[in-house]
C-alpha atoms as a PDB file:
ATOM      1  CA  MET A   1     -17.382   6.522 -15.324  1.00  0.00           C
ATOM      2  CA  GLN A   2     -20.675   7.558 -13.736  1.00  0.00           C
ATOM      3  CA  ARG A   3     -22.264   6.098 -10.640  1.00  0.00           C
ATOM      4  CA  SER A   4     -25.198   7.263  -8.541  1.00  0.00           C
ATOM      5  CA  VAL A   5     -25.757   6.370  -4.898  1.00  0.00           C
ATOM      6  CA  GLY A   6     -28.481   7.408  -2.496  1.00  0.00           C
ATOM      7  CA  LEU A   7     -28.197  10.196   0.043  1.00  0.00           C
ATOM      8  CA  GLY A   8     -26.031   9.137   2.975  1.00  0.00           C
ATOM      9  CA  VAL A   9     -24.792   5.990   1.187  1.00  0.00           C
ATOM     10  CA  ILE A  10     -21.055   5.334   1.204  1.00  0.00           C
ATOM     11  CA  ALA A  11     -19.627   3.724  -1.932  1.00  0.00           C
ATOM     12  CA  ASN A  12     -16.092   2.521  -2.518  1.00  0.00           C
ATOM     13  CA  ASN A  13     -14.738   2.675  -6.047  1.00  0.00           C
ATOM     14  CA  LEU A  14     -11.383   1.602  -7.416  1.00  0.00           C
ATOM     15  CA  LEU A  15     -10.003   3.594 -10.307  1.00  0.00           C
ATOM     16  CA  THR A  16      -7.114   1.954 -12.135  1.00  0.00           C
ATOM     17  CA  VAL A  17      -4.864   4.384 -13.957  1.00  0.00           C
ATOM     18  CA  ASP A  18      -2.149   3.401 -16.395  1.00  0.00           C
ATOM     19  CA  PRO A  19       0.963   4.877 -14.714  1.00  0.00           C
ATOM     20  CA  ARG A  20       2.097   6.280 -18.063  1.00  0.00           C
ATOM     21  CA  MET A  21      -0.807   8.738 -17.765  1.00  0.00           C
ATOM     22  CA  LEU A  22       1.053  10.256 -14.803  1.00  0.00           C
ATOM     23  CA  ALA A  23       4.518  10.081 -16.393  1.00  0.00           C
ATOM     24  CA  ILE A  24       6.624  11.910 -18.913  1.00  0.00           C
ATOM     25  CA  PHE A  25       8.630  10.175 -21.609  1.00  0.00           C
ATOM     26  CA  ASP A  26      12.379  10.562 -20.980  1.00  0.00           C
ATOM     27  CA  VAL A  27      13.945  10.631 -24.446  1.00  0.00           C
ATOM     28  CA  ASP A  28      17.496  10.204 -23.122  1.00  0.00           C
ATOM     29  CA  ALA A  29      16.552   7.107 -21.098  1.00  0.00           C
ATOM     30  CA  ASN A  30      14.050   5.935 -23.751  1.00  0.00           C
ATOM     31  CA  ASN A  31      11.591   5.195 -20.971  1.00  0.00           C
ATOM     32  CA  TRP A  32       8.576   6.532 -19.057  1.00  0.00           C
ATOM     33  CA  HIS A  33       9.501   8.499 -15.930  1.00  0.00           C
ATOM     34  CA  VAL A  34       7.103   9.128 -13.030  1.00  0.00           C
ATOM     35  CA  LEU A  35       8.223  12.271 -11.243  1.00  0.00           C
ATOM     36  CA  PRO A  36       7.839  12.374  -7.467  1.00  0.00           C
ATOM     37  CA  GLY A  37       5.066  14.456  -5.999  1.00  0.00           C
ATOM     38  CA  GLY A  38       1.351  14.745  -5.506  1.00  0.00           C
ATOM     39  CA  PHE A  39      -1.380  14.143  -8.049  1.00  0.00           C
ATOM     40  CA  GLN A  40      -4.882  15.418  -7.373  1.00  0.00           C
ATOM     41  CA  PHE A  41      -7.956  13.558  -8.616  1.00  0.00           C
ATOM     42  CA  SER A  42     -11.410  15.151  -8.542  1.00  0.00           C
ATOM     43  CA  VAL A  43     -14.912  13.694  -8.686  1.00  0.00           C
ATOM     44  CA  ALA A  44     -17.469  16.096 -10.091  1.00  0.00           C
ATOM     45  CA  SER A  45     -20.764  16.327 -11.903  1.00  0.00           C
ATOM     46  CA  SER A  46     -19.266  19.281 -13.822  1.00  0.00           C
ATOM     47  CA  SER A  47     -16.183  21.506 -13.683  1.00  0.00           C
ATOM     48  CA  ARG A  48     -18.117  23.872 -11.382  1.00  0.00           C
ATOM     49  CA  ASP A  49     -19.488  21.169  -9.078  1.00  0.00           C
ATOM     50  CA  VAL A  50     -16.524  19.295  -7.595  1.00  0.00           C
ATOM     51  CA  ARG A  51     -17.815  16.911  -4.935  1.00  0.00           C
ATOM     52  CA  LEU A  52     -14.684  15.058  -3.872  1.00  0.00           C
ATOM     53  CA  LYS A  53     -10.928  15.455  -4.173  1.00  0.00           C
ATOM     54  CA  ALA A  54      -8.218  12.900  -3.519  1.00  0.00           C
ATOM     55  CA  THR A  55      -4.455  13.332  -3.537  1.00  0.00           C
ATOM     56  CA  SER A  56      -1.977  10.541  -4.101  1.00  0.00           C
ATOM     57  CA  VAL A  57       1.729  11.120  -3.485  1.00  0.00           C
ATOM     58  CA  LEU A  58       3.950   9.091  -5.794  1.00  0.00           C
ATOM     59  CA  ARG A  59       7.588   8.167  -5.532  1.00  0.00           C
ATOM     60  CA  GLU A  60       9.950   8.642  -8.450  1.00  0.00           C
ATOM     61  CA  ARG A  61      10.382   5.619 -10.696  1.00  0.00           C
ATOM     62  CA  MET A  62      11.016   4.502 -14.253  1.00  0.00           C
ATOM     63  CA  LEU A  63       8.388   2.409 -16.042  1.00  0.00           C
ATOM     64  CA  SER A  64       8.815  -0.372 -18.525  1.00  0.00           C
ATOM     65  CA  LEU A  65       8.148   0.437 -22.169  1.00  0.00           C
ATOM     66  CA  GLU A  66       6.134  -2.771 -22.413  1.00  0.00           C
ATOM     67  CA  ARG A  67       2.494  -2.644 -21.402  1.00  0.00           C
ATOM     68  CA  GLN A  68       1.995  -4.231 -17.990  1.00  0.00           C
ATOM     69  CA  SER A  69      -0.382  -7.204 -17.805  1.00  0.00           C
ATOM     70  CA  GLU A  70      -0.997  -6.430 -14.129  1.00  0.00           C
ATOM     71  CA  PRO A  71      -1.873  -2.875 -13.102  1.00  0.00           C
ATOM     72  CA  GLN A  72       0.787  -1.145 -11.042  1.00  0.00           C
ATOM     73  CA  ARG A  73      -0.397  -0.142  -7.580  1.00  0.00           C
ATOM     74  CA  PHE A  74      -0.190   3.379  -6.258  1.00  0.00           C
ATOM     75  CA  PRO A  75      -0.463   4.412  -2.624  1.00  0.00           C
ATOM     76  CA  PRO A  76      -4.072   4.936  -1.495  1.00  0.00           C
ATOM     77  CA  PRO A  77      -5.162   8.564  -1.878  1.00  0.00           C
ATOM     78  CA  ARG A  78      -6.043  10.916   0.941  1.00  0.00           C
ATOM     79  CA  VAL A  79      -9.653  11.910   0.348  1.00  0.00           C
ATOM     80  CA  LYS A  80     -11.252  15.246   1.213  1.00  0.00           C
ATOM     81  CA  SER A  81     -14.979  15.775   0.899  1.00  0.00           C
ATOM     82  CA  ILE A  82     -15.833  19.199  -0.496  1.00  0.00           C
ATOM     83  CA  LYS A  83     -19.530  19.384   0.413  1.00  0.00           C
END
């Protein structure tokens, strides 16, 4: 996803992430398991030019094996501007 905005312009973006991308598969439970803790997301023009970081702290939970028709909501991230 790429988006350009002018200097001094504030833009809000919503990024929907399939929760299985943040989970491990628990073979014993035969289910996806989101471990508790923080996940850091970065916005950058390259790996050397990180412009924004956000951290979202998730609670532990098990996910359904079936694909969700509605995206699951995560707590809003805490955002830290780098530059």
